[in-house]
């Protein structure tokens, strides 16, 4: 479930926001399905449940650290979308 937290890396401007978010969620969904199939049919069967859980936890920790490292390089001000009052 990395898409919500990592969307700021894919959206740098308001141009093509919908397309970029859709692509991000497609990639995330594809990864979820592939990871589930690999974990369920290969890792648990070949390596066991404990190794599968440790591998999953390790991957999540590494991805979280990468997101935190990449977050330091972002300019938060450039990501703000101007608010327009519609009422």
N, C-alpha and C. Protein backbone atom coordinates (compact mmCIF):
# COMPACT_ATOMS: atom_id res chain seq x y z
N UNK A 1 0.83 -1.18 0.00
CA UNK A 1 0.00 0.00 0.00
C UNK A 1 0.88 1.24 0.00
N UNK A 2 1.78 1.29 -0.95
CA UNK A 2 2.70 2.41 -0.98
C UNK A 2 2.23 3.59 -1.80
N UNK A 3 1.19 3.42 -2.57
CA UNK A 3 0.76 4.48 -3.47
C UNK A 3 0.32 5.75 -2.76
N UNK A 4 -0.52 5.70 -1.73
CA UNK A 4 -0.93 6.96 -1.11
C UNK A 4 0.24 7.76 -0.54
N UNK A 5 1.19 7.09 0.06
CA UNK A 5 2.32 7.80 0.65
C UNK A 5 3.33 8.28 -0.35
N UNK A 6 3.39 7.65 -1.50
CA UNK A 6 4.42 8.02 -2.47
C UNK A 6 3.88 8.84 -3.64
N UNK A 7 2.62 9.23 -3.60
CA UNK A 7 2.07 9.98 -4.73
C UNK A 7 2.74 11.33 -4.91
N UNK A 8 3.29 11.90 -3.84
CA UNK A 8 3.92 13.21 -3.96
C UNK A 8 5.18 13.15 -4.82
N UNK A 9 5.77 11.97 -4.98
CA UNK A 9 6.96 11.85 -5.82
C UNK A 9 6.60 11.82 -7.30
N UNK A 10 5.35 11.47 -7.61
CA UNK A 10 4.92 11.38 -8.99
C UNK A 10 4.19 12.64 -9.44
N UNK A 11 3.70 13.43 -8.51
CA UNK A 11 2.93 14.62 -8.85
C UNK A 11 3.73 15.85 -8.46
N UNK A 12 4.36 16.45 -9.42
CA UNK A 12 5.17 17.65 -9.17
C UNK A 12 4.46 18.92 -9.60
N UNK A 13 3.42 18.78 -10.43
CA UNK A 13 2.67 19.96 -10.86
C UNK A 13 1.21 19.55 -11.05
N UNK A 14 0.37 20.52 -11.36
CA UNK A 14 -1.05 20.23 -11.54
C UNK A 14 -1.36 19.69 -12.93
N UNK A 15 -0.37 19.65 -13.80
CA UNK A 15 -0.56 19.17 -15.15
C UNK A 15 -0.65 17.64 -15.17
N UNK A 16 -1.68 17.10 -15.78
CA UNK A 16 -1.89 15.66 -15.91
C UNK A 16 -1.96 14.93 -14.57
N UNK A 17 -2.54 15.55 -13.57
CA UNK A 17 -2.61 14.93 -12.24
C UNK A 17 -3.38 13.62 -12.30
N UNK A 18 -4.53 13.63 -12.97
CA UNK A 18 -5.36 12.43 -13.03
C UNK A 18 -4.64 11.26 -13.68
N UNK A 19 -3.96 11.51 -14.77
CA UNK A 19 -3.24 10.45 -15.47
C UNK A 19 -2.11 9.90 -14.62
N UNK A 20 -1.38 10.77 -13.96
CA UNK A 20 -0.25 10.33 -13.15
C UNK A 20 -0.70 9.55 -11.91
N UNK A 21 -1.78 9.99 -11.28
CA UNK A 21 -2.30 9.26 -10.12
C UNK A 21 -2.84 7.90 -10.55
N UNK A 22 -3.53 7.86 -11.69
CA UNK A 22 -4.05 6.59 -12.19
C UNK A 22 -2.91 5.62 -12.49
N UNK A 23 -1.83 6.11 -13.10
CA UNK A 23 -0.68 5.25 -13.37
C UNK A 23 -0.05 4.75 -12.09
N UNK A 24 0.07 5.62 -11.11
CA UNK A 24 0.64 5.22 -9.83
C UNK A 24 -0.19 4.12 -9.17
N UNK A 25 -1.50 4.28 -9.15
CA UNK A 25 -2.36 3.27 -8.53
C UNK A 25 -2.38 1.98 -9.34
N UNK A 26 -2.25 2.06 -10.67
CA UNK A 26 -2.14 0.85 -11.49
C UNK A 26 -0.88 0.08 -11.14
N UNK A 27 0.25 0.78 -11.06
CA UNK A 27 1.51 0.13 -10.72
C UNK A 27 1.43 -0.48 -9.32
N UNK A 28 0.84 0.25 -8.39
CA UNK A 28 0.69 -0.26 -7.03
C UNK A 28 -0.18 -1.52 -7.00
N UNK A 29 -1.31 -1.50 -7.71
CA UNK A 29 -2.21 -2.65 -7.73
C UNK A 29 -1.54 -3.86 -8.39
N UNK A 30 -0.80 -3.63 -9.46
CA UNK A 30 -0.08 -4.71 -10.12
C UNK A 30 0.94 -5.33 -9.17
N UNK A 31 1.66 -4.49 -8.44
CA UNK A 31 2.64 -4.99 -7.48
C UNK A 31 2.00 -5.78 -6.35
N UNK A 32 0.83 -5.33 -5.90
CA UNK A 32 0.12 -6.05 -4.84
C UNK A 32 -0.28 -7.44 -5.31
N UNK A 33 -0.84 -7.53 -6.51
CA UNK A 33 -1.27 -8.82 -7.04
C UNK A 33 -0.06 -9.73 -7.26
N UNK A 34 0.99 -9.21 -7.88
CA UNK A 34 2.19 -10.01 -8.14
C UNK A 34 2.82 -10.48 -6.83
N UNK A 35 2.92 -9.59 -5.86
CA UNK A 35 3.51 -9.96 -4.57
C UNK A 35 2.70 -11.01 -3.85
N UNK A 36 1.37 -10.91 -3.91
CA UNK A 36 0.51 -11.90 -3.27
C UNK A 36 0.67 -13.26 -3.92
N UNK A 37 0.70 -13.29 -5.25
CA UNK A 37 0.87 -14.57 -5.94
C UNK A 37 2.22 -15.20 -5.64
N UNK A 38 3.27 -14.40 -5.69
CA UNK A 38 4.62 -14.92 -5.41
C UNK A 38 4.72 -15.40 -3.98
N UNK A 39 4.21 -14.62 -3.05
CA UNK A 39 4.28 -15.01 -1.64
C UNK A 39 3.45 -16.25 -1.36
N UNK A 40 2.25 -16.29 -1.90
CA UNK A 40 1.34 -17.40 -1.60
C UNK A 40 1.72 -18.71 -2.25
N UNK A 41 2.22 -18.65 -3.47
CA UNK A 41 2.48 -19.89 -4.20
C UNK A 41 3.95 -20.30 -4.23
N UNK A 42 4.85 -19.40 -3.92
CA UNK A 42 6.26 -19.77 -3.98
C UNK A 42 6.96 -19.65 -2.63
N UNK A 43 6.99 -18.47 -2.07
CA UNK A 43 7.79 -18.22 -0.87
C UNK A 43 7.33 -19.08 0.29
N UNK A 44 6.04 -19.07 0.58
CA UNK A 44 5.54 -19.84 1.73
C UNK A 44 5.73 -21.33 1.49
N UNK A 45 5.48 -21.78 0.27
CA UNK A 45 5.62 -23.20 -0.04
C UNK A 45 7.08 -23.65 -0.01
N UNK A 46 7.97 -22.85 -0.55
CA UNK A 46 9.38 -23.25 -0.66
C UNK A 46 10.20 -22.90 0.58
N UNK A 47 9.93 -21.76 1.19
CA UNK A 47 10.78 -21.26 2.28
C UNK A 47 10.12 -21.32 3.65
N UNK A 48 8.81 -21.37 3.68
CA UNK A 48 8.09 -21.40 4.95
C UNK A 48 7.50 -20.05 5.31
N UNK A 49 6.58 -20.09 6.26
CA UNK A 49 5.85 -18.89 6.63
C UNK A 49 6.73 -17.86 7.32
N UNK A 50 7.62 -18.29 8.19
CA UNK A 50 8.48 -17.35 8.93
C UNK A 50 9.38 -16.57 7.97
N UNK A 51 10.00 -17.26 7.02
CA UNK A 51 10.86 -16.58 6.05
C UNK A 51 10.03 -15.62 5.20
N UNK A 52 8.83 -16.03 4.83
CA UNK A 52 7.95 -15.15 4.06
C UNK A 52 7.59 -13.89 4.81
N UNK A 53 7.27 -14.04 6.09
CA UNK A 53 6.94 -12.87 6.91
C UNK A 53 8.14 -11.95 7.10
N UNK A 54 9.30 -12.54 7.33
CA UNK A 54 10.52 -11.73 7.49
C UNK A 54 10.87 -11.00 6.20
N UNK A 55 10.71 -11.67 5.07
CA UNK A 55 10.99 -11.03 3.78
C UNK A 55 10.03 -9.88 3.52
N UNK A 56 8.75 -10.10 3.81
CA UNK A 56 7.75 -9.05 3.62
C UNK A 56 8.04 -7.84 4.51
N UNK A 57 8.34 -8.10 5.76
CA UNK A 57 8.67 -7.01 6.68
C UNK A 57 9.91 -6.24 6.24
N UNK A 58 10.91 -6.97 5.76
CA UNK A 58 12.15 -6.32 5.31
C UNK A 58 11.89 -5.42 4.11
N UNK A 59 11.10 -5.91 3.16
CA UNK A 59 10.78 -5.10 1.98
C UNK A 59 10.03 -3.83 2.38
N UNK A 60 9.08 -3.95 3.30
CA UNK A 60 8.33 -2.77 3.74
C UNK A 60 9.22 -1.76 4.47
N UNK A 61 10.13 -2.24 5.27
CA UNK A 61 11.04 -1.33 5.98
C UNK A 61 11.95 -0.61 4.99
N UNK A 62 12.48 -1.34 4.02
CA UNK A 62 13.36 -0.74 3.01
C UNK A 62 12.60 0.31 2.19
N UNK A 63 11.38 -0.03 1.75
CA UNK A 63 10.60 0.94 0.98
C UNK A 63 10.25 2.17 1.81
N UNK A 64 9.92 1.98 3.08
CA UNK A 64 9.64 3.11 3.95
C UNK A 64 10.83 4.02 4.12
N UNK A 65 12.01 3.43 4.29
CA UNK A 65 13.23 4.22 4.42
C UNK A 65 13.54 4.98 3.13
N UNK A 66 13.33 4.33 1.98
CA UNK A 66 13.55 5.01 0.70
C UNK A 66 12.61 6.21 0.54
N UNK A 67 11.36 6.04 0.93
CA UNK A 67 10.41 7.15 0.83
C UNK A 67 10.83 8.29 1.75
N UNK A 68 11.28 7.96 2.96
CA UNK A 68 11.74 9.01 3.87
C UNK A 68 12.97 9.74 3.33
N UNK A 69 13.90 9.00 2.73
CA UNK A 69 15.10 9.60 2.16
C UNK A 69 14.73 10.50 0.98
N UNK A 70 13.84 10.02 0.11
CA UNK A 70 13.43 10.81 -1.04
C UNK A 70 12.64 12.04 -0.62
N UNK A 71 11.91 11.95 0.48
CA UNK A 71 11.10 13.06 0.97
C UNK A 71 11.97 14.26 1.37
N UNK A 72 13.17 14.02 1.81
CA UNK A 72 14.06 15.10 2.22
C UNK A 72 14.42 16.00 1.04
N UNK A 73 14.43 15.46 -0.18
CA UNK A 73 14.82 16.23 -1.35
C UNK A 73 13.68 16.99 -2.01
N UNK A 74 12.47 16.82 -1.54
CA UNK A 74 11.33 17.48 -2.17
C UNK A 74 11.18 18.91 -1.66
N UNK A 75 10.70 19.76 -2.52
CA UNK A 75 10.38 21.13 -2.13
C UNK A 75 8.87 21.18 -1.89
N UNK A 76 8.47 21.23 -0.67
CA UNK A 76 7.05 21.17 -0.30
C UNK A 76 6.25 22.33 -0.89
N UNK A 77 6.86 23.48 -1.00
CA UNK A 77 6.13 24.64 -1.50
C UNK A 77 5.69 24.45 -2.94
N UNK A 78 6.49 23.76 -3.75
CA UNK A 78 6.15 23.59 -5.16
C UNK A 78 5.02 22.59 -5.35
N UNK A 79 4.67 21.83 -4.32
CA UNK A 79 3.62 20.83 -4.44
C UNK A 79 2.24 21.37 -4.09
N UNK A 80 2.16 22.56 -3.56
CA UNK A 80 0.88 23.10 -3.14
C UNK A 80 0.04 23.50 -4.34
N UNK A 81 -1.20 23.09 -4.30
CA UNK A 81 -2.14 23.43 -5.35
C UNK A 81 -2.99 24.60 -4.84
N UNK A 82 -3.08 25.68 -5.62
CA UNK A 82 -3.84 26.84 -5.14
C UNK A 82 -5.31 26.48 -4.93
N UNK A 83 -5.86 26.98 -3.85
CA UNK A 83 -7.26 26.74 -3.50
C UNK A 83 -8.14 27.81 -4.13
N UNK A 84 -9.24 27.37 -4.75
CA UNK A 84 -10.17 28.32 -5.33
C UNK A 84 -11.53 28.14 -4.68
N UNK A 85 -12.08 29.23 -4.20
CA UNK A 85 -13.39 29.20 -3.58
C UNK A 85 -14.45 29.07 -4.67
N UNK A 86 -15.33 28.07 -4.56
CA UNK A 86 -16.35 27.86 -5.59
C UNK A 86 -17.75 28.24 -5.11
N UNK A 87 -17.88 28.67 -3.86
CA UNK A 87 -19.22 28.97 -3.34
C UNK A 87 -19.40 30.37 -3.15
